[in-house]
Amino acid sequence: MYVECHDLLIVLAQSDLFGIQARMEQRPTVLITPLSALPGHHTVSYCGRIELHLIRENTTIRETGGASMFAGRALEEAAAMARAHTIAMGGNAVVGFKVKNFVMRDSPQRNSVRLNYVLC
């Protein structure tokens, strides 16, 4: 069972008769910035380009906080995907992070919203 905290990933494993035993592991930190470089840091190696084309749709928009909450949550999830790609490629920072082609189509009569966007 995995439980996420802010900076730590707590891995819970059940022990014999004494309940639950917890072991903490440090999660890798990935910095994301729209700048071309991180102030106070220098680039050691360039791992490659990340480009994510994403489509999100929700048909229960009134119950989940509205279109603005949906868009904010979608951008947070996209940033998490960019962090995961960065870790998989062996990096620890994303520089020049941009959101392009952010198109949201809201249909209040159908209680739905569709979101198309590109991250690079």
N, C-alpha and C. Protein backbone atom coordinates (compact mmCIF):
# COMPACT_ATOMS: atom_id res chain seq x y z
N MET A 1 0.85 -1.17 0.00
CA MET A 1 0.00 0.00 0.00
C MET A 1 0.89 1.23 0.00
N TYR A 2 0.61 2.19 -0.89
CA TYR A 2 1.38 3.42 -0.97
C TYR A 2 0.51 4.60 -0.54
N VAL A 3 1.05 5.42 0.35
CA VAL A 3 0.36 6.62 0.81
C VAL A 3 1.28 7.79 0.52
N GLU A 4 0.81 8.79 -0.23
CA GLU A 4 1.67 9.91 -0.58
C GLU A 4 1.56 11.03 0.45
N CYS A 5 2.71 11.55 0.83
CA CYS A 5 2.79 12.75 1.64
C CYS A 5 3.45 13.83 0.79
N HIS A 6 3.72 14.99 1.36
CA HIS A 6 4.25 16.08 0.57
C HIS A 6 5.60 15.74 -0.04
N ASP A 7 6.61 15.44 0.75
CA ASP A 7 7.95 15.18 0.21
C ASP A 7 8.40 13.75 0.40
N LEU A 8 7.61 12.94 1.02
CA LEU A 8 8.02 11.58 1.30
C LEU A 8 7.00 10.59 0.77
N LEU A 9 7.47 9.46 0.35
CA LEU A 9 6.59 8.36 -0.03
C LEU A 9 6.70 7.33 1.08
N ILE A 10 5.61 7.07 1.75
CA ILE A 10 5.61 6.14 2.87
C ILE A 10 5.13 4.79 2.35
N VAL A 11 5.97 3.79 2.49
CA VAL A 11 5.62 2.44 2.06
C VAL A 11 5.18 1.67 3.30
N LEU A 12 3.94 1.26 3.31
CA LEU A 12 3.40 0.55 4.47
C LEU A 12 3.38 -0.95 4.19
N ALA A 13 3.94 -1.69 5.10
CA ALA A 13 3.94 -3.15 4.98
C ALA A 13 3.44 -3.74 6.29
N GLN A 14 2.63 -4.76 6.21
CA GLN A 14 2.06 -5.36 7.41
C GLN A 14 3.07 -6.33 8.03
N SER A 15 3.31 -6.18 9.31
CA SER A 15 4.23 -7.08 10.00
C SER A 15 3.45 -8.21 10.68
N ASP A 16 4.15 -9.07 11.44
CA ASP A 16 3.56 -10.28 12.03
C ASP A 16 2.32 -9.99 12.87
N LEU A 17 2.52 -9.71 14.14
CA LEU A 17 1.41 -9.51 15.06
C LEU A 17 1.36 -8.09 15.61
N PHE A 18 2.33 -7.28 15.24
CA PHE A 18 2.48 -5.98 15.88
C PHE A 18 1.88 -4.84 15.06
N GLY A 19 1.05 -5.09 14.09
CA GLY A 19 0.39 -4.01 13.35
C GLY A 19 1.12 -3.67 12.06
N ILE A 20 1.33 -2.38 11.86
CA ILE A 20 1.89 -1.91 10.59
C ILE A 20 3.25 -1.30 10.83
N GLN A 21 4.18 -1.65 9.95
CA GLN A 21 5.55 -1.13 10.03
C GLN A 21 5.73 -0.16 8.85
N ALA A 22 6.27 1.03 9.11
CA ALA A 22 6.43 2.04 8.05
C ALA A 22 7.91 2.28 7.77
N ARG A 23 8.20 2.43 6.50
CA ARG A 23 9.55 2.75 6.07
C ARG A 23 9.44 3.96 5.14
N MET A 24 10.26 4.98 5.38
CA MET A 24 10.18 6.19 4.58
C MET A 24 11.30 6.21 3.55
N GLU A 25 10.95 6.63 2.34
CA GLU A 25 11.93 6.78 1.27
C GLU A 25 11.84 8.21 0.77
N GLN A 26 12.97 8.79 0.42
CA GLN A 26 12.99 10.14 -0.13
C GLN A 26 12.62 10.09 -1.60
N ARG A 27 11.63 10.86 -2.00
CA ARG A 27 11.24 10.96 -3.40
C ARG A 27 12.20 11.88 -4.13
N PRO A 28 12.53 11.59 -5.38
CA PRO A 28 13.38 12.51 -6.13
C PRO A 28 12.65 13.84 -6.36
N THR A 29 13.38 14.95 -6.25
CA THR A 29 12.81 16.26 -6.44
C THR A 29 13.08 16.73 -7.86
N VAL A 30 12.05 17.19 -8.54
CA VAL A 30 12.18 17.74 -9.89
C VAL A 30 11.68 19.17 -9.86
N LEU A 31 12.53 20.10 -10.22
CA LEU A 31 12.15 21.51 -10.28
C LEU A 31 11.60 21.82 -11.67
N ILE A 32 10.51 22.57 -11.75
CA ILE A 32 9.92 22.97 -13.02
C ILE A 32 9.88 24.49 -13.06
N THR A 33 10.42 25.06 -14.16
CA THR A 33 10.45 26.51 -14.30
C THR A 33 10.25 26.91 -15.76
N PRO A 34 9.61 28.05 -16.01
CA PRO A 34 9.50 28.54 -17.38
C PRO A 34 10.77 29.26 -17.85
N LEU A 35 11.72 29.47 -16.94
CA LEU A 35 12.97 30.14 -17.29
C LEU A 35 13.85 29.23 -18.13
N SER A 36 14.84 29.81 -18.81
CA SER A 36 15.74 29.01 -19.63
C SER A 36 16.84 28.36 -18.80
N ALA A 37 17.00 28.77 -17.56
CA ALA A 37 17.98 28.16 -16.65
C ALA A 37 17.51 28.39 -15.21
N LEU A 38 18.00 27.57 -14.30
CA LEU A 38 17.66 27.73 -12.89
C LEU A 38 18.67 28.67 -12.24
N PRO A 39 18.22 29.75 -11.62
CA PRO A 39 19.16 30.66 -10.95
C PRO A 39 19.91 29.96 -9.83
N GLY A 40 21.21 30.12 -9.80
CA GLY A 40 22.04 29.51 -8.77
C GLY A 40 22.47 28.09 -9.08
N HIS A 41 22.08 27.56 -10.22
CA HIS A 41 22.45 26.20 -10.63
C HIS A 41 23.03 26.25 -12.03
N HIS A 42 23.81 25.25 -12.38
CA HIS A 42 24.30 25.16 -13.75
C HIS A 42 23.91 23.81 -14.34
N THR A 43 23.72 23.78 -15.65
CA THR A 43 23.30 22.57 -16.33
C THR A 43 24.50 21.66 -16.56
N VAL A 44 24.42 20.43 -16.08
CA VAL A 44 25.49 19.46 -16.24
C VAL A 44 25.31 18.71 -17.56
N SER A 45 24.09 18.25 -17.82
CA SER A 45 23.82 17.56 -19.08
C SER A 45 22.37 17.81 -19.48
N TYR A 46 22.12 17.73 -20.78
CA TYR A 46 20.79 17.93 -21.33
C TYR A 46 20.23 16.56 -21.67
N CYS A 47 19.10 16.19 -21.05
CA CYS A 47 18.54 14.85 -21.22
C CYS A 47 17.59 14.74 -22.41
N GLY A 48 17.04 15.82 -22.89
CA GLY A 48 16.12 15.76 -24.01
C GLY A 48 14.92 16.65 -23.80
N ARG A 49 14.02 16.59 -24.75
CA ARG A 49 12.82 17.44 -24.75
C ARG A 49 11.61 16.64 -24.30
N ILE A 50 10.73 17.29 -23.53
CA ILE A 50 9.48 16.68 -23.11
C ILE A 50 8.35 17.42 -23.82
N GLU A 51 7.50 16.69 -24.51
CA GLU A 51 6.33 17.28 -25.14
C GLU A 51 5.15 16.36 -24.90
N LEU A 52 4.15 16.85 -24.20
CA LEU A 52 2.97 16.07 -23.85
C LEU A 52 1.75 16.66 -24.54
N HIS A 53 1.04 15.85 -25.30
CA HIS A 53 -0.23 16.24 -25.91
C HIS A 53 -1.33 15.56 -25.11
N LEU A 54 -2.18 16.35 -24.48
CA LEU A 54 -3.15 15.79 -23.55
C LEU A 54 -4.57 16.23 -23.88
N ILE A 55 -5.49 15.32 -23.69
CA ILE A 55 -6.92 15.60 -23.83
C ILE A 55 -7.60 15.10 -22.56
N ARG A 56 -8.37 15.97 -21.93
CA ARG A 56 -9.11 15.61 -20.71
C ARG A 56 -10.57 15.94 -20.92
N GLU A 57 -11.42 15.12 -20.37
CA GLU A 57 -12.86 15.34 -20.49
C GLU A 57 -13.52 14.95 -19.17
N ASN A 58 -14.54 15.70 -18.80
CA ASN A 58 -15.26 15.42 -17.57
C ASN A 58 -16.75 15.67 -17.83
N THR A 59 -17.58 14.75 -17.40
CA THR A 59 -19.02 14.90 -17.60
C THR A 59 -19.77 15.14 -16.29
N THR A 60 -19.05 15.39 -15.22
CA THR A 60 -19.68 15.72 -13.94
C THR A 60 -19.06 17.02 -13.42
N ILE A 61 -19.10 18.05 -14.22
CA ILE A 61 -18.37 19.28 -13.92
C ILE A 61 -18.97 20.04 -12.74
N ARG A 62 -20.29 20.04 -12.59
CA ARG A 62 -20.91 20.77 -11.47
C ARG A 62 -20.55 20.15 -10.13
N GLU A 63 -20.46 18.82 -10.09
CA GLU A 63 -20.18 18.12 -8.84
C GLU A 63 -18.71 18.20 -8.44
N THR A 64 -17.83 18.52 -9.37
CA THR A 64 -16.38 18.52 -9.06
C THR A 64 -15.80 19.92 -8.93
N GLY A 65 -16.62 20.96 -8.82
CA GLY A 65 -16.10 22.29 -8.54
C GLY A 65 -16.10 23.25 -9.70
N GLY A 66 -16.59 22.87 -10.85
CA GLY A 66 -16.67 23.78 -11.99
C GLY A 66 -15.51 23.63 -12.96
N ALA A 67 -15.61 24.39 -14.04
CA ALA A 67 -14.61 24.28 -15.12
C ALA A 67 -13.24 24.78 -14.69
N SER A 68 -13.19 25.81 -13.85
CA SER A 68 -11.89 26.34 -13.42
C SER A 68 -11.15 25.33 -12.53
N MET A 69 -11.87 24.65 -11.65
CA MET A 69 -11.24 23.62 -10.82
C MET A 69 -10.75 22.47 -11.69
N PHE A 70 -11.52 22.10 -12.68
CA PHE A 70 -11.13 21.03 -13.60
C PHE A 70 -9.87 21.40 -14.35
N ALA A 71 -9.79 22.63 -14.86
CA ALA A 71 -8.61 23.06 -15.60
C ALA A 71 -7.37 23.11 -14.70
N GLY A 72 -7.53 23.62 -13.48
CA GLY A 72 -6.40 23.68 -12.55
C GLY A 72 -5.89 22.30 -12.19
N ARG A 73 -6.82 21.37 -11.94
CA ARG A 73 -6.44 20.00 -11.61
C ARG A 73 -5.74 19.33 -12.79
N ALA A 74 -6.22 19.60 -14.00
CA ALA A 74 -5.62 19.01 -15.19
C ALA A 74 -4.19 19.51 -15.38
N LEU A 75 -3.94 20.79 -15.12
CA LEU A 75 -2.58 21.33 -15.24
C LEU A 75 -1.66 20.76 -14.17
N GLU A 76 -2.17 20.56 -12.96
CA GLU A 76 -1.37 19.93 -11.90
C GLU A 76 -0.98 18.51 -12.29
N GLU A 77 -1.92 17.75 -12.85
CA GLU A 77 -1.63 16.39 -13.28
C GLU A 77 -0.64 16.38 -14.43
N ALA A 78 -0.73 17.36 -15.33
CA ALA A 78 0.22 17.45 -16.44
C ALA A 78 1.63 17.75 -15.93
N ALA A 79 1.74 18.62 -14.93
CA ALA A 79 3.05 18.89 -14.34
C ALA A 79 3.61 17.65 -13.66
N ALA A 80 2.75 16.86 -13.03
CA ALA A 80 3.19 15.60 -12.41
C ALA A 80 3.69 14.62 -13.47
N MET A 81 3.01 14.58 -14.63
CA MET A 81 3.48 13.72 -15.73
C MET A 81 4.83 14.19 -16.25
N ALA A 82 5.01 15.50 -16.36
CA ALA A 82 6.31 16.04 -16.80
C ALA A 82 7.40 15.68 -15.81
N ARG A 83 7.09 15.74 -14.50
CA ARG A 83 8.08 15.33 -13.48
C ARG A 83 8.43 13.85 -13.64
N ALA A 84 7.44 13.01 -13.87
CA ALA A 84 7.69 11.57 -14.02
C ALA A 84 8.55 11.29 -15.25
N HIS A 85 8.27 11.97 -16.36
CA HIS A 85 9.09 11.79 -17.56
C HIS A 85 10.53 12.24 -17.31
N THR A 86 10.69 13.33 -16.56
CA THR A 86 12.02 13.84 -16.26
C THR A 86 12.81 12.83 -15.42
N ILE A 87 12.17 12.26 -14.42
CA ILE A 87 12.84 11.25 -13.59
C ILE A 87 13.20 10.03 -14.43
N ALA A 88 12.29 9.62 -15.33
CA ALA A 88 12.55 8.44 -16.17
C ALA A 88 13.73 8.68 -17.11
N MET A 89 13.93 9.92 -17.54
CA MET A 89 15.05 10.24 -18.44
C MET A 89 16.33 10.53 -17.67
N GLY A 90 16.27 10.52 -16.35
CA GLY A 90 17.47 10.73 -15.53
C GLY A 90 17.74 12.18 -15.19
N GLY A 91 16.76 13.05 -15.32
CA GLY A 91 16.95 14.46 -15.03
C GLY A 91 16.41 14.85 -13.68
N ASN A 92 16.68 16.10 -13.28
CA ASN A 92 16.16 16.59 -12.01
C ASN A 92 15.57 18.00 -12.12
N ALA A 93 15.41 18.50 -13.37
CA ALA A 93 14.79 19.81 -13.57
C ALA A 93 14.21 19.89 -14.98
N VAL A 94 13.14 20.68 -15.09
CA VAL A 94 12.54 20.98 -16.38
C VAL A 94 12.65 22.49 -16.55
N VAL A 95 13.36 22.93 -17.59
CA VAL A 95 13.49 24.36 -17.87
C VAL A 95 12.74 24.68 -19.15
N GLY A 96 12.26 25.90 -19.27
CA GLY A 96 11.52 26.31 -20.45
C GLY A 96 10.15 25.67 -20.54
N PHE A 97 9.51 25.45 -19.41
CA PHE A 97 8.21 24.78 -19.35
C PHE A 97 7.13 25.74 -19.85
N LYS A 98 6.37 25.32 -20.88
CA LYS A 98 5.31 26.16 -21.45
C LYS A 98 4.05 25.34 -21.68
N VAL A 99 2.92 26.00 -21.60
CA VAL A 99 1.64 25.40 -21.97
C VAL A 99 1.21 26.06 -23.28
N LYS A 100 1.02 25.25 -24.31
CA LYS A 100 0.61 25.77 -25.62
C LYS A 100 -0.76 25.19 -25.97
N ASN A 101 -1.48 25.89 -26.83
CA ASN A 101 -2.75 25.42 -27.37
C ASN A 101 -3.72 24.95 -26.29
N PHE A 102 -3.93 25.76 -25.29
CA PHE A 102 -4.86 25.45 -24.20
C PHE A 102 -6.26 25.80 -24.67
N VAL A 103 -7.05 24.80 -25.04
CA VAL A 103 -8.40 25.01 -25.56
C VAL A 103 -9.38 24.27 -24.66
N MET A 104 -10.33 25.02 -24.09
CA MET A 104 -11.33 24.40 -23.22
C MET A 104 -12.72 24.67 -23.81
N ARG A 105 -13.46 23.59 -24.01
CA ARG A 105 -14.83 23.70 -24.52
C ARG A 105 -15.79 23.29 -23.40
N ASP A 106 -16.55 24.26 -22.94
CA ASP A 106 -17.48 24.04 -21.82
C ASP A 106 -18.89 23.90 -22.38
N SER A 107 -19.62 22.94 -21.90
CA SER A 107 -21.01 22.73 -22.31
C SER A 107 -21.87 22.61 -21.05
N PRO A 108 -22.36 23.75 -20.52
CA PRO A 108 -23.13 23.71 -19.27
C PRO A 108 -24.42 22.89 -19.36
N GLN A 109 -25.03 22.85 -20.56
CA GLN A 109 -26.27 22.09 -20.70
C GLN A 109 -26.02 20.61 -20.49
N ARG A 110 -24.88 20.13 -20.93
CA ARG A 110 -24.54 18.71 -20.78
C ARG A 110 -23.75 18.41 -19.51
N ASN A 111 -23.43 19.47 -18.74
CA ASN A 111 -22.64 19.31 -17.51
C ASN A 111 -21.29 18.68 -17.83
N SER A 112 -20.65 19.14 -18.93
CA SER A 112 -19.38 18.55 -19.33
C SER A 112 -18.41 19.63 -19.80
N VAL A 113 -17.15 19.28 -19.81
CA VAL A 113 -16.09 20.15 -20.32
C VAL A 113 -15.03 19.27 -20.98
N ARG A 114 -14.42 19.79 -22.05
CA ARG A 114 -13.36 19.08 -22.75
C ARG A 114 -12.16 20.03 -22.84
N LEU A 115 -10.98 19.49 -22.59
CA LEU A 115 -9.78 20.29 -22.52
C LEU A 115 -8.70 19.66 -23.38
N ASN A 116 -8.15 20.42 -24.33
CA ASN A 116 -7.02 19.98 -25.17
C ASN A 116 -5.87 20.93 -24.88
N TYR A 117 -4.67 20.37 -24.61
CA TYR A 117 -3.52 21.23 -24.39
C TYR A 117 -2.23 20.49 -24.68
N VAL A 118 -1.18 21.28 -24.92
CA VAL A 118 0.15 20.75 -25.23
C VAL A 118 1.13 21.38 -24.25
N LEU A 119 1.94 20.53 -23.62
CA LEU A 119 3.01 21.01 -22.74
C LEU A 119 4.35 20.74 -23.40
N CYS A 120 5.22 21.72 -23.37
CA CYS A 120 6.57 21.49 -23.90
C CYS A 120 7.58 22.31 -23.14
